[in-house]
């Protein structure tokens, strides 16, 4: 969960720097309520937050499979470690990509509004990196339950 949160924090911070950069260039765009640039600039921030949720889901599933009364095999521990690392490192990569794309595209949106569609597409592809890690972690976590049944 820590690595996913680090990726989400980086993506949020880097995208926030882009939003602040818009305020330096054109402060009238930030101050007007209901202006479309406010909503478009928040897309990378929201997508970065989703990366942290992936890590939370994996950590809750791993913690839910632990029972103090049962033995915890070494193989199950390594599988859980691998599941957490796979979700966490892909969360770092996805947060990094979302932050860089969000910063650049939010700044570019000030000058050219047609970049929004390409920004969202690139952000979706960056988000999928974190989703791949979540899927791998979920598959690994199901292997632990099959291991315990043996």
C-alpha atoms as a PDB file:
ATOM      1  CA  UNK A   1       0.000   0.000   0.000  1.00  0.00           C
ATOM      2  CA  UNK A   2       2.876   2.359   0.722  1.00  0.00           C
ATOM      3  CA  UNK A   3       4.277   2.202  -2.797  1.00  0.00           C
ATOM      4  CA  UNK A   4       0.870   2.763  -4.385  1.00  0.00           C
ATOM      5  CA  UNK A   5       0.314   5.746  -2.132  1.00  0.00           C
ATOM      6  CA  UNK A   6       3.727   7.177  -3.039  1.00  0.00           C
ATOM      7  CA  UNK A   7       2.818   6.910  -6.723  1.00  0.00           C
ATOM      8  CA  UNK A   8      -0.555   8.531  -6.111  1.00  0.00           C
ATOM      9  CA  UNK A   9       1.041  11.313  -4.082  1.00  0.00           C
ATOM     10  CA  UNK A  10       3.591  12.005  -6.796  1.00  0.00           C
ATOM     11  CA  UNK A  11       0.901  12.107  -9.469  1.00  0.00           C
ATOM     12  CA  UNK A  12      -1.248  14.424  -7.383  1.00  0.00           C
ATOM     13  CA  UNK A  13       1.654  16.725  -6.546  1.00  0.00           C
ATOM     14  CA  UNK A  14       2.949  16.928 -10.099  1.00  0.00           C
ATOM     15  CA  UNK A  15      -0.541  17.576 -11.487  1.00  0.00           C
ATOM     16  CA  UNK A  16      -1.098  20.168  -8.763  1.00  0.00           C
ATOM     17  CA  UNK A  17       2.041  21.951  -9.900  1.00  0.00           C
ATOM     18  CA  UNK A  18       0.492  22.148 -13.371  1.00  0.00           C
ATOM     19  CA  UNK A  19      -2.719  23.586 -11.942  1.00  0.00           C
ATOM     20  CA  UNK A  20      -0.714  26.167 -10.012  1.00  0.00           C
ATOM     21  CA  UNK A  21       1.190  26.981 -13.217  1.00  0.00           C
ATOM     22  CA  UNK A  22      -2.105  27.770 -14.905  1.00  0.00           C
ATOM     23  CA  UNK A  23      -2.858  30.217 -12.117  1.00  0.00           C
ATOM     24  CA  UNK A  24       0.453  31.963 -12.751  1.00  0.00           C
ATOM     25  CA  UNK A  25      -0.194  32.350 -16.484  1.00  0.00           C
ATOM     26  CA  UNK A  26      -3.926  33.029 -16.506  1.00  0.00           C
ATOM     27  CA  UNK A  27      -5.330  33.565 -13.011  1.00  0.00           C
ATOM     28  CA  UNK A  28      -8.730  34.504 -14.389  1.00  0.00           C
ATOM     29  CA  UNK A  29      -9.223  30.887 -15.486  1.00  0.00           C
ATOM     30  CA  UNK A  30      -8.698  29.530 -11.995  1.00  0.00           C
ATOM     31  CA  UNK A  31     -10.870  32.070 -10.212  1.00  0.00           C
ATOM     32  CA  UNK A  32     -13.992  31.705 -12.360  1.00  0.00           C
ATOM     33  CA  UNK A  33     -16.345  29.121 -10.929  1.00  0.00           C
ATOM     34  CA  UNK A  34     -17.754  26.715 -13.460  1.00  0.00           C
ATOM     35  CA  UNK A  35     -15.021  27.334 -16.019  1.00  0.00           C
ATOM     36  CA  UNK A  36     -14.189  24.128 -17.899  1.00  0.00           C
ATOM     37  CA  UNK A  37     -10.460  24.370 -17.203  1.00  0.00           C
ATOM     38  CA  UNK A  38     -11.052  23.775 -13.502  1.00  0.00           C
ATOM     39  CA  UNK A  39     -12.743  20.460 -14.215  1.00  0.00           C
ATOM     40  CA  UNK A  40     -10.273  19.370 -16.871  1.00  0.00           C
ATOM     41  CA  UNK A  41      -7.321  20.146 -14.643  1.00  0.00           C
ATOM     42  CA  UNK A  42      -8.723  17.926 -11.893  1.00  0.00           C
ATOM     43  CA  UNK A  43      -8.839  14.799 -14.093  1.00  0.00           C
ATOM     44  CA  UNK A  44      -5.174  13.832 -13.428  1.00  0.00           C
ATOM     45  CA  UNK A  45      -5.601  14.461  -9.706  1.00  0.00           C
ATOM     46  CA  UNK A  46      -8.612  12.149  -9.504  1.00  0.00           C
ATOM     47  CA  UNK A  47      -6.890   9.474 -11.562  1.00  0.00           C
ATOM     48  CA  UNK A  48      -3.863   9.642  -9.262  1.00  0.00           C
ATOM     49  CA  UNK A  49      -6.105   9.058  -6.263  1.00  0.00           C
ATOM     50  CA  UNK A  50      -7.446   5.888  -7.830  1.00  0.00           C
ATOM     51  CA  UNK A  51      -3.924   4.432  -7.772  1.00  0.00           C
ATOM     52  CA  UNK A  52      -3.927   4.619  -3.974  1.00  0.00           C
ATOM     53  CA  UNK A  53      -7.255   2.788  -3.897  1.00  0.00           C
ATOM     54  CA  UNK A  54      -5.672  -0.120  -5.788  1.00  0.00           C
ATOM     55  CA  UNK A  55      -3.074  -0.483  -3.052  1.00  0.00           C
ATOM     56  CA  UNK A  56      -5.760  -0.235  -0.390  1.00  0.00           C
ATOM     57  CA  UNK A  57      -7.789  -3.027  -2.002  1.00  0.00           C
ATOM     58  CA  UNK A  58      -4.792  -5.355  -2.150  1.00  0.00           C
ATOM     59  CA  UNK A  59      -3.732  -4.635   1.425  1.00  0.00           C
ATOM     60  CA  UNK A  60      -7.261  -5.220   2.750  1.00  0.00           C
ATOM     61  CA  UNK A  61      -7.505  -8.514   0.876  1.00  0.00           C
ATOM     62  CA  UNK A  62      -4.131  -9.668   2.175  1.00  0.00           C
ATOM     63  CA  UNK A  63      -4.923  -8.602   5.734  1.00  0.00           C
ATOM     64  CA  UNK A  64      -8.320 -10.292   5.508  1.00  0.00           C
ATOM     65  CA  UNK A  65      -6.739 -13.621   4.629  1.00  0.00           C
ATOM     66  CA  UNK A  66      -4.579 -13.601   7.758  1.00  0.00           C
ATOM     67  CA  UNK A  67      -5.956 -15.457  10.781  1.00  0.00           C
ATOM     68  CA  UNK A  68      -4.106 -15.548  14.107  1.00  0.00           C
ATOM     69  CA  UNK A  69      -5.354 -19.035  14.968  1.00  0.00           C
ATOM     70  CA  UNK A  70      -4.092 -20.606  11.723  1.00  0.00           C
ATOM     71  CA  UNK A  71      -0.557 -21.336  10.621  1.00  0.00           C
ATOM     72  CA  UNK A  72       0.893 -18.990   8.041  1.00  0.00           C
ATOM     73  CA  UNK A  73       3.059 -20.893   5.558  1.00  0.00           C
ATOM     74  CA  UNK A  74       6.254 -19.336   4.298  1.00  0.00           C
ATOM     75  CA  UNK A  75       5.106 -19.743   0.690  1.00  0.00           C
ATOM     76  CA  UNK A  76       1.944 -17.762   1.477  1.00  0.00           C
ATOM     77  CA  UNK A  77       4.064 -14.986   2.936  1.00  0.00           C
ATOM     78  CA  UNK A  78       6.199 -14.762  -0.179  1.00  0.00           C
ATOM     79  CA  UNK A  79       3.142 -14.774  -2.421  1.00  0.00           C
ATOM     80  CA  UNK A  80       1.586 -11.976  -0.373  1.00  0.00           C
ATOM     81  CA  UNK A  81       4.859 -10.065  -0.547  1.00  0.00           C
ATOM     82  CA  UNK A  82       4.945 -10.470  -4.316  1.00  0.00           C
ATOM     83  CA  UNK A  83       1.324  -9.363  -4.613  1.00  0.00           C
ATOM     84  CA  UNK A  84       2.016  -6.219  -2.609  1.00  0.00           C
ATOM     85  CA  UNK A  85       5.163  -5.424  -4.547  1.00  0.00           C
ATOM     86  CA  UNK A  86       3.480  -5.950  -7.919  1.00  0.00           C
ATOM     87  CA  UNK A  87       0.635  -3.611  -7.032  1.00  0.00           C
ATOM     88  CA  UNK A  88       2.919  -1.103  -5.332  1.00  0.00           C
ATOM     89  CA  UNK A  89       5.568  -0.777  -8.013  1.00  0.00           C
ATOM     90  CA  UNK A  90       3.015  -0.492 -10.797  1.00  0.00           C
ATOM     91  CA  UNK A  91       1.331   2.150  -8.642  1.00  0.00           C
ATOM     92  CA  UNK A  92       4.580   4.113  -8.543  1.00  0.00           C
ATOM     93  CA  UNK A  93       4.969   3.820 -12.309  1.00  0.00           C
ATOM     94  CA  UNK A  94       1.355   4.793 -12.981  1.00  0.00           C
ATOM     95  CA  UNK A  95       1.493   7.735 -10.574  1.00  0.00           C
ATOM     96  CA  UNK A  96       4.700   8.962 -12.175  1.00  0.00           C
ATOM     97  CA  UNK A  97       3.203   8.744 -15.657  1.00  0.00           C
ATOM     98  CA  UNK A  98      -0.052  10.395 -14.606  1.00  0.00           C
ATOM     99  CA  UNK A  99       1.834  13.201 -12.893  1.00  0.00           C
ATOM    100  CA  UNK A 100       4.031  13.993 -15.875  1.00  0.00           C
ATOM    101  CA  UNK A 101       1.215  13.787 -18.403  1.00  0.00           C
ATOM    102  CA  UNK A 102      -1.158  15.701 -16.147  1.00  0.00           C
ATOM    103  CA  UNK A 103       1.308  18.514 -15.581  1.00  0.00           C
ATOM    104  CA  UNK A 104       2.170  18.915 -19.242  1.00  0.00           C
ATOM    105  CA  UNK A 105      -1.329  18.558 -20.625  1.00  0.00           C
ATOM    106  CA  UNK A 106      -2.998  20.815 -18.077  1.00  0.00           C
ATOM    107  CA  UNK A 107      -0.499  23.544 -18.950  1.00  0.00           C
ATOM    108  CA  UNK A 108      -1.037  22.932 -22.673  1.00  0.00           C
ATOM    109  CA  UNK A 109      -4.811  23.085 -22.221  1.00  0.00           C
ATOM    110  CA  UNK A 110      -4.535  26.795 -21.505  1.00  0.00           C
ATOM    111  CA  UNK A 111      -3.355  27.398 -25.053  1.00  0.00           C
ATOM    112  CA  UNK A 112      -5.155  24.621 -26.954  1.00  0.00           C
ATOM    113  CA  UNK A 113      -8.413  23.130 -25.674  1.00  0.00           C
ATOM    114  CA  UNK A 114      -8.429  20.295 -28.219  1.00  0.00           C
ATOM    115  CA  UNK A 115      -5.680  18.531 -26.277  1.00  0.00           C
ATOM    116  CA  UNK A 116      -8.193  17.351 -23.677  1.00  0.00           C
ATOM    117  CA  UNK A 117      -9.174  14.172 -25.529  1.00  0.00           C
ATOM    118  CA  UNK A 118      -5.578  13.098 -26.053  1.00  0.00           C
ATOM    119  CA  UNK A 119      -4.792  13.935 -22.424  1.00  0.00           C
ATOM    120  CA  UNK A 120      -7.580  11.677 -21.197  1.00  0.00           C
ATOM    121  CA  UNK A 121      -6.485   8.854 -23.501  1.00  0.00           C
ATOM    122  CA  UNK A 122      -2.885   9.030 -22.311  1.00  0.00           C
ATOM    123  CA  UNK A 123      -4.040   9.200 -18.684  1.00  0.00           C
ATOM    124  CA  UNK A 124      -6.180   6.114 -19.211  1.00  0.00           C
ATOM    125  CA  UNK A 125      -3.192   4.212 -20.601  1.00  0.00           C
ATOM    126  CA  UNK A 126      -1.119   5.337 -17.612  1.00  0.00           C
ATOM    127  CA  UNK A 127      -3.878   4.292 -15.216  1.00  0.00           C
ATOM    128  CA  UNK A 128      -4.003   0.844 -16.798  1.00  0.00           C
ATOM    129  CA  UNK A 129      -0.433   0.253 -15.600  1.00  0.00           C
ATOM    130  CA  UNK A 130      -1.698   0.359 -12.037  1.00  0.00           C
ATOM    131  CA  UNK A 131      -4.692  -1.763 -12.950  1.00  0.00           C
ATOM    132  CA  UNK A 132      -2.381  -4.462 -14.332  1.00  0.00           C
ATOM    133  CA  UNK A 133      -0.576  -4.582 -11.007  1.00  0.00           C
ATOM    134  CA  UNK A 134      -3.901  -4.867  -9.191  1.00  0.00           C
ATOM    135  CA  UNK A 135      -4.968  -7.773 -11.406  1.00  0.00           C
ATOM    136  CA  UNK A 136      -1.673  -9.598 -10.864  1.00  0.00           C
ATOM    137  CA  UNK A 137      -1.925  -9.049  -7.111  1.00  0.00           C
ATOM    138  CA  UNK A 138      -5.487 -10.389  -7.052  1.00  0.00           C
ATOM    139  CA  UNK A 139      -4.431 -13.473  -9.011  1.00  0.00           C
ATOM    140  CA  UNK A 140      -1.535 -14.058  -6.641  1.00  0.00           C
ATOM    141  CA  UNK A 141      -3.814 -13.648  -3.633  1.00  0.00           C
ATOM    142  CA  UNK A 142      -6.173 -16.332  -4.971  1.00  0.00           C
ATOM    143  CA  UNK A 143      -3.196 -18.696  -5.246  1.00  0.00           C
ATOM    144  CA  UNK A 144      -2.638 -18.355  -1.513  1.00  0.00           C
ATOM    145  CA  UNK A 145      -6.139 -19.630  -0.778  1.00  0.00           C
ATOM    146  CA  UNK A 146      -5.502 -22.596  -3.110  1.00  0.00           C
ATOM    147  CA  UNK A 147      -2.169 -23.170  -1.331  1.00  0.00           C
ATOM    148  CA  UNK A 148      -3.870 -23.305   2.049  1.00  0.00           C
ATOM    149  CA  UNK A 149      -6.327 -25.917   0.765  1.00  0.00           C
ATOM    150  CA  UNK A 150      -3.489 -28.336  -0.110  1.00  0.00           C
END
